[in-house]
């Protein structure tokens, strides 16, 4: 199988065609997965067909434990609580948000997400040189109400591009993200991070 939490070379990447939405929202194990095969046998298989059942199973377990959650809330719980996905086996560099979204699904953490976000990932699309902003709605998922510290973790940095967030946000509430682009034609990825004590919740972003 593949190295844990290292993105596969064949893994797809976003953004989506035409609408340029941030995809994927999550990553999951999909290399060398032992799975059922024809004629009552088993085989090690790789691909989206192996990763998708991990996410579907995680969603089913969350719904079993939280039957009142909406599909959007289940999605948020999985997307905001992921573990880092790495580019190589050295695990020295986290892979781009357009390849891993919020990261590798961590079911135990997703069971207590604390906050829900809508949307769970932010795309500014192709923004040219004009300032742009997006707003994320944050709601209490149980134990998450109150103030959270907000920061930006940039994976790519263009010297003349600024990404601004408030120093703190109160849940429930609105989180505004402002981008002031420069003149360089460059893809920008990273995370807006909510922090409270030892808890971290990450919202991936992308723009060009």
N, C-alpha and C. Protein backbone atom coordinates (compact mmCIF):
# COMPACT_ATOMS: atom_id res chain seq x y z
N UNK A 1 0.82 -1.20 0.00
CA UNK A 1 0.00 0.00 0.00
C UNK A 1 0.85 1.24 0.00
N UNK A 2 0.22 2.39 -0.13
CA UNK A 2 0.93 3.65 -0.14
C UNK A 2 1.30 4.09 1.26
N UNK A 3 2.22 5.07 1.33
CA UNK A 3 2.61 5.62 2.62
C UNK A 3 1.45 6.43 3.19
N UNK A 4 1.22 6.26 4.48
CA UNK A 4 0.07 6.91 5.12
C UNK A 4 0.11 8.43 4.93
N UNK A 5 -1.01 8.98 4.51
CA UNK A 5 -1.22 10.42 4.36
C UNK A 5 -0.32 11.08 3.31
N UNK A 6 0.20 10.28 2.37
CA UNK A 6 0.95 10.84 1.24
C UNK A 6 0.07 10.72 0.00
N UNK A 7 -0.13 11.85 -0.69
CA UNK A 7 -1.04 11.88 -1.82
C UNK A 7 -0.49 11.04 -2.97
N UNK A 8 -1.35 10.26 -3.61
CA UNK A 8 -0.93 9.41 -4.73
C UNK A 8 -0.62 10.26 -5.96
N UNK A 9 0.35 9.82 -6.73
CA UNK A 9 0.72 10.55 -7.93
C UNK A 9 -0.41 10.66 -8.93
N UNK A 10 -1.31 9.66 -8.93
CA UNK A 10 -2.42 9.67 -9.89
C UNK A 10 -3.65 10.40 -9.35
N UNK A 11 -3.57 10.94 -8.14
CA UNK A 11 -4.74 11.57 -7.53
C UNK A 11 -5.17 12.80 -8.32
N UNK A 12 -6.46 12.95 -8.47
CA UNK A 12 -7.01 14.07 -9.22
C UNK A 12 -6.83 15.38 -8.45
N UNK A 13 -6.98 16.49 -9.17
CA UNK A 13 -6.85 17.78 -8.50
C UNK A 13 -7.88 18.75 -9.06
N UNK A 14 -8.16 19.78 -8.27
CA UNK A 14 -9.09 20.82 -8.66
C UNK A 14 -8.36 22.02 -9.21
N UNK A 15 -9.04 23.14 -9.40
CA UNK A 15 -10.47 23.34 -9.14
C UNK A 15 -11.35 22.67 -10.20
N UNK A 16 -12.65 22.77 -10.03
CA UNK A 16 -13.56 22.17 -11.00
C UNK A 16 -13.50 22.94 -12.32
N UNK A 17 -13.77 22.27 -13.44
CA UNK A 17 -13.82 22.98 -14.72
C UNK A 17 -14.96 24.00 -14.73
N UNK A 18 -14.79 25.03 -15.51
CA UNK A 18 -15.81 26.06 -15.75
C UNK A 18 -16.16 26.86 -14.50
N UNK A 19 -16.73 26.22 -13.48
CA UNK A 19 -17.16 26.97 -12.30
C UNK A 19 -16.00 27.30 -11.36
N UNK A 20 -14.88 26.59 -11.51
CA UNK A 20 -13.66 26.86 -10.74
C UNK A 20 -13.90 26.83 -9.23
N UNK A 21 -14.65 25.82 -8.78
CA UNK A 21 -14.88 25.65 -7.34
C UNK A 21 -13.72 24.86 -6.73
N UNK A 22 -13.51 25.11 -5.44
CA UNK A 22 -12.46 24.40 -4.71
C UNK A 22 -12.83 22.92 -4.55
N UNK A 23 -12.06 22.05 -5.16
CA UNK A 23 -12.24 20.61 -5.04
C UNK A 23 -10.87 19.95 -4.99
N UNK A 24 -10.73 18.80 -4.38
CA UNK A 24 -11.73 18.12 -3.54
C UNK A 24 -11.81 18.80 -2.17
N UNK A 25 -12.82 18.41 -1.38
CA UNK A 25 -12.92 18.94 -0.01
C UNK A 25 -12.15 18.09 0.99
N UNK A 26 -11.98 16.79 0.69
CA UNK A 26 -11.27 15.89 1.60
C UNK A 26 -10.44 14.89 0.79
N UNK A 27 -9.54 14.23 1.48
CA UNK A 27 -8.78 13.12 0.91
C UNK A 27 -8.99 11.90 1.80
N UNK A 28 -8.74 10.71 1.23
CA UNK A 28 -8.93 9.47 1.99
C UNK A 28 -8.02 8.39 1.41
N UNK A 29 -7.73 7.34 2.18
CA UNK A 29 -6.84 6.27 1.68
C UNK A 29 -7.36 5.66 0.38
N UNK A 30 -6.47 5.53 -0.61
CA UNK A 30 -6.90 5.00 -1.89
C UNK A 30 -5.82 4.24 -2.64
N UNK A 31 -4.73 3.87 -1.95
CA UNK A 31 -3.63 3.15 -2.59
C UNK A 31 -3.42 1.81 -1.89
N UNK A 32 -3.44 0.74 -2.68
CA UNK A 32 -3.19 -0.58 -2.11
C UNK A 32 -4.19 -0.99 -1.06
N UNK A 33 -5.48 -0.73 -1.32
CA UNK A 33 -6.52 -1.02 -0.34
C UNK A 33 -7.06 -2.45 -0.57
N UNK A 34 -7.06 -3.24 0.49
CA UNK A 34 -7.60 -4.59 0.39
C UNK A 34 -9.12 -4.52 0.27
N UNK A 35 -9.65 -5.09 -0.81
CA UNK A 35 -11.08 -4.97 -1.09
C UNK A 35 -11.62 -6.27 -1.65
N UNK A 36 -12.93 -6.41 -1.57
CA UNK A 36 -13.58 -7.58 -2.14
C UNK A 36 -13.40 -7.60 -3.65
N UNK A 37 -13.29 -8.81 -4.21
CA UNK A 37 -13.10 -8.99 -5.64
C UNK A 37 -14.04 -10.10 -6.13
N UNK A 38 -14.22 -10.21 -7.46
CA UNK A 38 -15.10 -11.26 -7.99
C UNK A 38 -14.68 -12.66 -7.56
N UNK A 39 -15.63 -13.59 -7.62
CA UNK A 39 -15.41 -15.01 -7.31
C UNK A 39 -14.93 -15.22 -5.88
N UNK A 40 -15.60 -14.51 -4.95
CA UNK A 40 -15.36 -14.71 -3.51
C UNK A 40 -13.89 -14.55 -3.12
N UNK A 41 -13.22 -13.59 -3.73
CA UNK A 41 -11.81 -13.37 -3.40
C UNK A 41 -11.58 -11.92 -2.97
N UNK A 42 -10.32 -11.62 -2.70
CA UNK A 42 -9.93 -10.28 -2.30
C UNK A 42 -8.76 -9.82 -3.16
N UNK A 43 -8.61 -8.50 -3.28
CA UNK A 43 -7.51 -7.97 -4.07
C UNK A 43 -7.13 -6.60 -3.53
N UNK A 44 -5.87 -6.23 -3.75
CA UNK A 44 -5.42 -4.88 -3.41
C UNK A 44 -5.65 -3.98 -4.62
N UNK A 45 -6.44 -2.94 -4.41
CA UNK A 45 -6.80 -2.05 -5.50
C UNK A 45 -6.49 -0.61 -5.13
N UNK A 46 -6.35 0.25 -6.14
CA UNK A 46 -6.05 1.66 -5.92
C UNK A 46 -6.96 2.53 -6.78
N UNK A 47 -7.25 3.73 -6.29
CA UNK A 47 -8.03 4.67 -7.08
C UNK A 47 -9.16 5.30 -6.28
N UNK A 48 -9.91 6.15 -6.96
CA UNK A 48 -11.05 6.81 -6.34
C UNK A 48 -12.06 5.80 -5.82
N UNK A 49 -12.17 4.66 -6.51
CA UNK A 49 -13.12 3.63 -6.09
C UNK A 49 -12.77 3.04 -4.74
N UNK A 50 -11.54 3.24 -4.29
CA UNK A 50 -11.14 2.79 -2.96
C UNK A 50 -11.26 3.92 -1.94
N UNK A 51 -10.97 5.16 -2.36
CA UNK A 51 -11.04 6.29 -1.43
C UNK A 51 -12.48 6.66 -1.11
N UNK A 52 -13.36 6.64 -2.13
CA UNK A 52 -14.75 7.05 -1.91
C UNK A 52 -15.46 6.22 -0.84
N UNK A 53 -15.29 4.89 -0.79
CA UNK A 53 -15.97 4.13 0.26
C UNK A 53 -15.50 4.50 1.67
N UNK A 54 -14.23 4.91 1.81
CA UNK A 54 -13.78 5.36 3.13
C UNK A 54 -14.59 6.58 3.58
N UNK A 55 -14.81 7.51 2.66
CA UNK A 55 -15.55 8.73 3.01
C UNK A 55 -17.03 8.41 3.22
N UNK A 56 -17.59 7.55 2.37
CA UNK A 56 -19.00 7.18 2.53
C UNK A 56 -19.22 6.47 3.86
N UNK A 57 -18.30 5.59 4.22
CA UNK A 57 -18.40 4.89 5.51
C UNK A 57 -18.28 5.85 6.67
N UNK A 58 -17.38 6.83 6.55
CA UNK A 58 -17.23 7.83 7.60
C UNK A 58 -18.52 8.63 7.76
N UNK A 59 -19.13 9.02 6.63
CA UNK A 59 -20.39 9.76 6.68
C UNK A 59 -21.49 8.94 7.34
N UNK A 60 -21.54 7.64 7.00
CA UNK A 60 -22.57 6.76 7.58
C UNK A 60 -22.40 6.65 9.10
N UNK A 61 -21.17 6.53 9.56
CA UNK A 61 -20.93 6.43 11.00
C UNK A 61 -21.28 7.73 11.71
N UNK A 62 -20.96 8.86 11.08
CA UNK A 62 -21.31 10.14 11.69
C UNK A 62 -22.82 10.31 11.79
N UNK A 63 -23.55 9.90 10.75
CA UNK A 63 -25.00 9.99 10.78
C UNK A 63 -25.62 9.05 11.81
N UNK A 64 -24.98 7.91 12.02
CA UNK A 64 -25.45 6.99 13.04
C UNK A 64 -25.33 7.62 14.42
N UNK A 65 -24.25 8.34 14.63
CA UNK A 65 -24.01 8.97 15.93
C UNK A 65 -24.73 10.31 16.07
N UNK A 66 -24.97 10.97 14.93
CA UNK A 66 -25.60 12.30 14.96
C UNK A 66 -26.74 12.32 13.93
N UNK A 67 -27.84 11.65 14.21
CA UNK A 67 -28.90 11.51 13.20
C UNK A 67 -29.57 12.82 12.81
N UNK A 68 -29.39 13.88 13.57
CA UNK A 68 -30.01 15.16 13.22
C UNK A 68 -29.14 16.00 12.30
N UNK A 69 -27.90 15.59 12.07
CA UNK A 69 -27.03 16.37 11.20
C UNK A 69 -27.54 16.33 9.76
N UNK A 70 -27.43 17.46 9.08
CA UNK A 70 -27.77 17.52 7.66
C UNK A 70 -26.59 17.03 6.84
N UNK A 71 -26.80 16.68 5.55
CA UNK A 71 -25.66 16.31 4.70
C UNK A 71 -24.57 17.38 4.68
N UNK A 72 -24.97 18.66 4.67
CA UNK A 72 -23.98 19.74 4.67
C UNK A 72 -23.16 19.75 5.95
N UNK A 73 -23.80 19.44 7.07
CA UNK A 73 -23.08 19.41 8.35
C UNK A 73 -22.12 18.22 8.42
N UNK A 74 -22.52 17.08 7.88
CA UNK A 74 -21.62 15.93 7.83
C UNK A 74 -20.40 16.27 6.97
N UNK A 75 -20.65 16.89 5.84
CA UNK A 75 -19.56 17.31 4.95
C UNK A 75 -18.61 18.26 5.66
N UNK A 76 -19.16 19.23 6.38
CA UNK A 76 -18.34 20.19 7.10
C UNK A 76 -17.52 19.51 8.18
N UNK A 77 -18.14 18.59 8.92
CA UNK A 77 -17.43 17.89 9.99
C UNK A 77 -16.21 17.16 9.44
N UNK A 78 -16.35 16.51 8.30
CA UNK A 78 -15.24 15.77 7.69
C UNK A 78 -14.19 16.71 7.11
N UNK A 79 -14.63 17.81 6.49
CA UNK A 79 -13.71 18.68 5.77
C UNK A 79 -12.86 19.55 6.69
N UNK A 80 -13.42 20.01 7.80
CA UNK A 80 -12.70 20.95 8.66
C UNK A 80 -11.74 20.28 9.63
N UNK A 81 -11.84 18.96 9.77
CA UNK A 81 -11.08 18.27 10.83
C UNK A 81 -10.01 17.32 10.29
N UNK A 82 -9.68 17.44 9.01
CA UNK A 82 -8.76 16.49 8.40
C UNK A 82 -7.32 16.62 8.88
N UNK A 83 -6.56 15.54 8.68
CA UNK A 83 -5.11 15.54 8.94
C UNK A 83 -4.37 16.02 7.69
N UNK A 84 -3.16 16.55 7.85
CA UNK A 84 -2.39 16.98 6.68
C UNK A 84 -2.13 15.82 5.71
N UNK A 85 -2.20 16.12 4.42
CA UNK A 85 -1.77 15.19 3.37
C UNK A 85 -0.48 15.73 2.78
N UNK A 86 0.48 14.85 2.55
CA UNK A 86 1.81 15.30 2.15
C UNK A 86 2.11 14.97 0.69
N UNK A 87 3.06 15.70 0.13
CA UNK A 87 3.41 15.55 -1.28
C UNK A 87 4.32 14.35 -1.51
N UNK A 88 5.29 14.11 -0.60
CA UNK A 88 6.23 13.01 -0.74
C UNK A 88 6.34 12.22 0.56
N UNK A 89 7.02 11.09 0.49
CA UNK A 89 7.17 10.24 1.66
C UNK A 89 8.01 10.89 2.76
N UNK A 90 8.76 11.94 2.42
CA UNK A 90 9.52 12.66 3.45
C UNK A 90 8.60 13.43 4.38
N UNK A 91 7.37 13.69 3.91
CA UNK A 91 6.37 14.43 4.68
C UNK A 91 6.89 15.79 5.16
N UNK A 92 7.67 16.43 4.30
CA UNK A 92 8.22 17.74 4.63
C UNK A 92 7.36 18.87 4.10
N UNK A 93 6.46 18.56 3.16
CA UNK A 93 5.64 19.59 2.55
C UNK A 93 4.21 19.10 2.40
N UNK A 94 3.28 19.87 2.96
CA UNK A 94 1.87 19.51 2.82
C UNK A 94 1.41 19.75 1.39
N UNK A 95 0.62 18.84 0.87
CA UNK A 95 0.19 18.97 -0.52
C UNK A 95 -0.84 20.08 -0.67
N UNK A 96 -1.00 20.56 -1.89
CA UNK A 96 -1.87 21.69 -2.19
C UNK A 96 -3.32 21.41 -1.82
N UNK A 97 -4.04 22.46 -1.47
CA UNK A 97 -5.46 22.32 -1.15
C UNK A 97 -6.26 21.84 -2.35
N UNK A 98 -5.79 22.10 -3.56
CA UNK A 98 -6.54 21.64 -4.74
C UNK A 98 -6.29 20.16 -5.02
N UNK A 99 -5.47 19.51 -4.21
CA UNK A 99 -5.29 18.07 -4.32
C UNK A 99 -5.81 17.33 -3.09
N UNK A 100 -5.89 18.00 -1.95
CA UNK A 100 -6.29 17.31 -0.72
C UNK A 100 -7.41 18.00 0.03
N UNK A 101 -7.83 19.19 -0.39
CA UNK A 101 -8.88 19.88 0.34
C UNK A 101 -8.49 20.14 1.78
N UNK A 102 -9.40 19.81 2.70
CA UNK A 102 -9.13 20.00 4.12
C UNK A 102 -8.19 18.97 4.70
N UNK A 103 -7.81 17.96 3.92
CA UNK A 103 -6.87 16.95 4.39
C UNK A 103 -7.49 15.56 4.45
N UNK A 104 -6.74 14.64 5.04
CA UNK A 104 -7.16 13.25 5.13
C UNK A 104 -8.19 13.09 6.24
N UNK A 105 -9.31 12.47 5.92
CA UNK A 105 -10.40 12.31 6.87
C UNK A 105 -9.92 11.71 8.19
N UNK A 106 -10.26 12.38 9.29
CA UNK A 106 -9.96 11.91 10.64
C UNK A 106 -11.31 11.73 11.34
N UNK A 107 -11.82 10.51 11.31
CA UNK A 107 -13.18 10.25 11.77
C UNK A 107 -13.37 10.59 13.25
N UNK A 108 -12.39 10.26 14.08
CA UNK A 108 -12.54 10.54 15.52
C UNK A 108 -12.69 12.03 15.77
N UNK A 109 -11.91 12.85 15.06
CA UNK A 109 -12.01 14.29 15.23
C UNK A 109 -13.30 14.82 14.62
N UNK A 110 -13.72 14.23 13.50
CA UNK A 110 -14.96 14.68 12.85
C UNK A 110 -16.18 14.42 13.71
N UNK A 111 -16.09 13.47 14.63
CA UNK A 111 -17.21 13.14 15.52
C UNK A 111 -17.50 14.30 16.48
N UNK A 112 -16.48 15.14 16.72
CA UNK A 112 -16.66 16.32 17.58
C UNK A 112 -16.12 17.53 16.84
N UNK A 113 -16.82 18.00 15.82
CA UNK A 113 -16.27 19.05 14.97
C UNK A 113 -16.25 20.44 15.61
N UNK A 114 -17.07 20.64 16.65
CA UNK A 114 -17.20 21.91 17.37
C UNK A 114 -17.87 23.00 16.55
N UNK A 115 -17.42 23.20 15.29
CA UNK A 115 -18.06 24.21 14.44
C UNK A 115 -18.41 23.61 13.08
N UNK A 116 -19.44 24.14 12.47
CA UNK A 116 -19.78 23.84 11.08
C UNK A 116 -19.50 25.09 10.25
N UNK A 117 -19.02 24.89 9.02
CA UNK A 117 -18.75 26.01 8.12
C UNK A 117 -19.52 25.82 6.82
N UNK A 118 -20.00 26.92 6.27
CA UNK A 118 -20.68 26.92 4.98
C UNK A 118 -20.24 28.15 4.20
N UNK A 119 -19.44 27.98 3.11
CA UNK A 119 -18.98 26.70 2.55
C UNK A 119 -17.81 26.13 3.34
N UNK A 120 -17.45 24.88 3.04
CA UNK A 120 -16.35 24.22 3.75
C UNK A 120 -15.01 24.47 3.08
N UNK A 121 -15.03 25.01 1.87
CA UNK A 121 -13.83 25.35 1.12
C UNK A 121 -14.14 26.59 0.30
N UNK A 122 -13.16 27.46 0.12
CA UNK A 122 -13.40 28.75 -0.51
C UNK A 122 -12.61 28.89 -1.80
N UNK A 123 -13.32 29.17 -2.87
CA UNK A 123 -12.68 29.49 -4.15
C UNK A 123 -13.01 30.93 -4.53
N UNK A 124 -11.97 31.71 -4.81
CA UNK A 124 -12.18 33.05 -5.34
C UNK A 124 -12.19 33.03 -6.87
N UNK A 125 -11.77 31.90 -7.45
CA UNK A 125 -11.73 31.78 -8.90
C UNK A 125 -10.61 32.60 -9.51
N UNK A 126 -10.80 33.02 -10.75
CA UNK A 126 -9.86 33.91 -11.44
C UNK A 126 -10.25 35.34 -11.11
N UNK A 127 -9.41 36.03 -10.36
CA UNK A 127 -9.85 37.31 -9.81
C UNK A 127 -9.19 38.52 -10.45
N UNK A 128 -8.29 38.33 -11.40
CA UNK A 128 -7.68 39.48 -12.04
C UNK A 128 -6.92 40.31 -11.04
N UNK A 129 -7.03 41.63 -11.12
CA UNK A 129 -6.29 42.50 -10.20
C UNK A 129 -7.21 43.27 -9.26
N UNK A 130 -8.51 42.96 -9.29
CA UNK A 130 -9.45 43.66 -8.41
C UNK A 130 -9.59 42.92 -7.08
N UNK A 131 -9.72 43.64 -5.98
CA UNK A 131 -9.94 42.99 -4.68
C UNK A 131 -11.19 42.13 -4.69
N UNK A 132 -11.17 41.05 -3.91
CA UNK A 132 -12.31 40.14 -3.84
C UNK A 132 -12.50 39.70 -2.39
N UNK A 133 -13.72 39.30 -2.06
CA UNK A 133 -14.00 38.82 -0.71
C UNK A 133 -14.98 37.67 -0.77
N UNK A 134 -14.91 36.81 0.23
CA UNK A 134 -15.84 35.71 0.41
C UNK A 134 -16.22 35.66 1.88
N UNK A 135 -17.42 35.17 2.16
CA UNK A 135 -17.89 35.06 3.54
C UNK A 135 -18.23 33.61 3.86
N UNK A 136 -17.75 33.13 4.99
CA UNK A 136 -18.04 31.78 5.47
C UNK A 136 -18.94 31.90 6.69
N UNK A 137 -20.05 31.18 6.67
CA UNK A 137 -20.97 31.18 7.81
C UNK A 137 -20.56 30.08 8.78
N UNK A 138 -20.36 30.45 10.02
CA UNK A 138 -19.94 29.51 11.06
C UNK A 138 -21.07 29.32 12.07
N UNK A 139 -21.36 28.05 12.39
CA UNK A 139 -22.39 27.74 13.38
C UNK A 139 -21.84 26.75 14.40
N UNK A 140 -22.48 26.72 15.55
CA UNK A 140 -22.05 25.84 16.65
C UNK A 140 -22.43 24.39 16.36
N UNK A 141 -21.44 23.51 16.40
CA UNK A 141 -21.70 22.08 16.20
C UNK A 141 -21.76 21.33 17.52
N UNK A 142 -21.78 22.07 18.61
CA UNK A 142 -21.78 21.47 19.94
C UNK A 142 -20.46 21.75 20.63
N UNK A 143 -20.46 22.69 21.57
CA UNK A 143 -19.24 23.04 22.29
C UNK A 143 -18.35 24.02 21.56
N UNK A 144 -18.82 24.56 20.43
CA UNK A 144 -17.96 25.44 19.66
C UNK A 144 -18.34 26.90 19.71
N UNK A 145 -19.40 27.23 20.43
CA UNK A 145 -19.84 28.62 20.50
C UNK A 145 -18.82 29.48 21.21
N UNK A 146 -18.74 30.76 20.77
CA UNK A 146 -17.82 31.69 21.40
C UNK A 146 -16.68 32.09 20.48
N UNK A 147 -15.66 32.74 21.04
CA UNK A 147 -14.59 33.29 20.20
C UNK A 147 -13.57 32.24 19.75
N UNK A 148 -13.10 32.39 18.51
CA UNK A 148 -12.01 31.61 17.94
C UNK A 148 -11.00 32.58 17.34
N UNK A 149 -9.73 32.25 17.48
CA UNK A 149 -8.67 33.02 16.81
C UNK A 149 -8.62 32.62 15.35
N UNK A 150 -8.38 33.59 14.47
CA UNK A 150 -8.34 33.34 13.03
C UNK A 150 -6.96 33.69 12.48
N UNK A 151 -6.43 32.84 11.63
CA UNK A 151 -5.14 33.10 10.98
C UNK A 151 -5.16 32.52 9.58
N UNK A 152 -4.14 32.83 8.79
CA UNK A 152 -3.99 32.31 7.44
C UNK A 152 -2.68 31.55 7.33
N UNK A 153 -2.75 30.33 6.81
CA UNK A 153 -1.54 29.56 6.53
C UNK A 153 -1.42 29.44 5.01
N UNK A 154 -0.51 30.18 4.43
CA UNK A 154 -0.37 30.25 2.98
C UNK A 154 0.58 29.15 2.50
N UNK A 155 0.14 28.37 1.54
CA UNK A 155 1.00 27.36 0.92
C UNK A 155 1.84 27.97 -0.18
N UNK A 156 1.29 28.95 -0.87
CA UNK A 156 2.00 29.66 -1.91
C UNK A 156 1.92 31.14 -1.59
N UNK A 157 3.00 31.86 -1.86
CA UNK A 157 3.06 33.27 -1.48
C UNK A 157 3.51 34.10 -2.68
N UNK A 158 2.68 35.04 -3.08
CA UNK A 158 3.07 36.06 -4.05
C UNK A 158 3.25 37.36 -3.26
N UNK A 159 4.41 37.97 -3.42
CA UNK A 159 4.77 39.11 -2.57
C UNK A 159 3.77 40.26 -2.66
N UNK A 160 3.12 40.40 -3.82
CA UNK A 160 2.22 41.54 -3.98
C UNK A 160 0.76 41.16 -3.78
N UNK A 161 0.50 39.99 -3.20
CA UNK A 161 -0.88 39.55 -2.94
C UNK A 161 -1.11 39.46 -1.43
N UNK A 162 -2.20 40.05 -0.96
CA UNK A 162 -2.52 40.05 0.47
C UNK A 162 -3.82 39.28 0.72
N UNK A 163 -3.82 38.49 1.79
CA UNK A 163 -5.01 37.78 2.23
C UNK A 163 -5.30 38.22 3.65
N UNK A 164 -6.46 38.81 3.88
CA UNK A 164 -6.76 39.37 5.19
C UNK A 164 -7.97 38.69 5.82
N UNK A 165 -7.84 38.39 7.10
CA UNK A 165 -8.94 37.85 7.90
C UNK A 165 -8.96 38.60 9.23
N UNK A 166 -10.08 38.61 9.92
CA UNK A 166 -10.10 39.23 11.25
C UNK A 166 -9.25 38.43 12.22
N UNK A 167 -8.80 39.09 13.28
CA UNK A 167 -7.98 38.40 14.27
C UNK A 167 -8.77 37.35 15.03
N UNK A 168 -10.09 37.55 15.11
CA UNK A 168 -10.94 36.61 15.84
C UNK A 168 -12.33 36.64 15.23
N UNK A 169 -13.07 35.57 15.48
CA UNK A 169 -14.46 35.48 15.05
C UNK A 169 -15.26 34.80 16.16
N UNK A 170 -16.50 35.19 16.31
CA UNK A 170 -17.37 34.60 17.32
C UNK A 170 -18.36 33.65 16.64
N UNK A 171 -18.44 32.42 17.15
CA UNK A 171 -19.36 31.41 16.62
C UNK A 171 -20.62 31.39 17.50
N UNK A 172 -21.83 31.47 16.92
CA UNK A 172 -22.12 31.57 15.49
C UNK A 172 -21.83 32.97 14.96
N UNK A 173 -21.45 33.03 13.69
CA UNK A 173 -21.12 34.31 13.09
C UNK A 173 -20.61 34.16 11.68
N UNK A 174 -20.24 35.30 11.08
CA UNK A 174 -19.75 35.33 9.71
C UNK A 174 -18.25 35.62 9.72
N UNK A 175 -17.53 34.88 8.89
CA UNK A 175 -16.09 35.07 8.75
C UNK A 175 -15.82 35.60 7.34
N UNK A 176 -15.28 36.80 7.24
CA UNK A 176 -14.99 37.40 5.94
C UNK A 176 -13.51 37.23 5.61
N UNK A 177 -13.25 36.83 4.36
CA UNK A 177 -11.90 36.66 3.86
C UNK A 177 -11.72 37.62 2.69
N UNK A 178 -10.71 38.49 2.77
CA UNK A 178 -10.47 39.49 1.74
C UNK A 178 -9.14 39.22 1.04
N UNK A 179 -9.14 39.30 -0.28
CA UNK A 179 -7.94 39.11 -1.07
C UNK A 179 -7.68 40.38 -1.87
N UNK A 180 -6.44 40.88 -1.79
CA UNK A 180 -6.00 41.98 -2.63
C UNK A 180 -4.91 41.45 -3.54
N UNK A 181 -5.23 41.15 -4.80
CA UNK A 181 -4.26 40.50 -5.68
C UNK A 181 -3.25 41.48 -6.24
N UNK A 182 -2.10 40.91 -6.61
CA UNK A 182 -1.08 41.70 -7.29
C UNK A 182 -1.17 41.51 -8.79
N UNK A 183 -0.08 41.77 -9.47
CA UNK A 183 -0.08 41.68 -10.93
C UNK A 183 0.39 40.33 -11.43
N UNK A 184 1.00 39.53 -10.56
CA UNK A 184 1.53 38.24 -10.99
C UNK A 184 0.40 37.25 -11.27
N UNK A 185 0.56 36.48 -12.36
CA UNK A 185 -0.40 35.42 -12.67
C UNK A 185 0.06 34.17 -11.94
N UNK A 186 -0.51 33.91 -10.77
CA UNK A 186 -0.04 32.81 -9.94
C UNK A 186 -1.19 32.16 -9.20
N UNK A 187 -1.11 30.85 -9.04
CA UNK A 187 -2.09 30.11 -8.27
C UNK A 187 -1.77 30.24 -6.79
N UNK A 188 -2.77 30.52 -5.99
CA UNK A 188 -2.58 30.72 -4.56
C UNK A 188 -3.45 29.74 -3.77
N UNK A 189 -2.84 29.00 -2.86
CA UNK A 189 -3.56 28.03 -2.05
C UNK A 189 -3.13 28.16 -0.59
N UNK A 190 -3.97 27.64 0.30
CA UNK A 190 -3.65 27.66 1.71
C UNK A 190 -4.90 27.41 2.55
N UNK A 191 -4.80 27.75 3.82
CA UNK A 191 -5.90 27.50 4.76
C UNK A 191 -6.18 28.74 5.60
N UNK A 192 -7.46 28.99 5.84
CA UNK A 192 -7.88 29.89 6.90
C UNK A 192 -8.10 29.00 8.12
N UNK A 193 -7.41 29.31 9.21
CA UNK A 193 -7.38 28.42 10.37
C UNK A 193 -8.08 29.05 11.57
N UNK A 194 -9.00 28.30 12.15
CA UNK A 194 -9.66 28.69 13.40
C UNK A 194 -8.99 27.95 14.54
N UNK A 195 -8.59 28.67 15.57
CA UNK A 195 -7.88 28.06 16.69
C UNK A 195 -8.52 28.45 18.01
N UNK A 196 -8.68 27.46 18.88
CA UNK A 196 -9.13 27.71 20.25
C UNK A 196 -8.44 26.69 21.13
N UNK A 197 -7.48 27.15 21.93
CA UNK A 197 -6.69 26.22 22.73
C UNK A 197 -5.92 25.27 21.83
N UNK A 198 -6.07 23.97 22.05
CA UNK A 198 -5.39 22.97 21.23
C UNK A 198 -6.19 22.59 19.98
N UNK A 199 -7.40 23.12 19.86
CA UNK A 199 -8.27 22.75 18.74
C UNK A 199 -8.00 23.64 17.52
N UNK A 200 -7.90 23.00 16.34
CA UNK A 200 -7.70 23.72 15.08
C UNK A 200 -8.71 23.21 14.06
N UNK A 201 -9.34 24.13 13.35
CA UNK A 201 -10.25 23.78 12.27
C UNK A 201 -9.82 24.57 11.03
N UNK A 202 -9.69 23.87 9.89
CA UNK A 202 -9.08 24.49 8.71
C UNK A 202 -10.07 24.57 7.53
N UNK A 203 -10.08 25.72 6.89
CA UNK A 203 -10.92 25.95 5.71
C UNK A 203 -9.97 26.20 4.54
N UNK A 204 -9.91 25.29 3.57
CA UNK A 204 -8.99 25.49 2.45
C UNK A 204 -9.48 26.57 1.49
N UNK A 205 -8.52 27.26 0.84
CA UNK A 205 -8.89 28.25 -0.17
C UNK A 205 -8.03 28.09 -1.42
N UNK A 206 -8.53 28.66 -2.51
CA UNK A 206 -7.81 28.67 -3.79
C UNK A 206 -8.23 29.89 -4.60
N UNK A 207 -7.28 30.49 -5.29
CA UNK A 207 -7.61 31.51 -6.29
C UNK A 207 -6.42 31.68 -7.23
N UNK A 208 -6.70 32.33 -8.33
CA UNK A 208 -5.64 32.64 -9.29
C UNK A 208 -5.89 34.02 -9.87
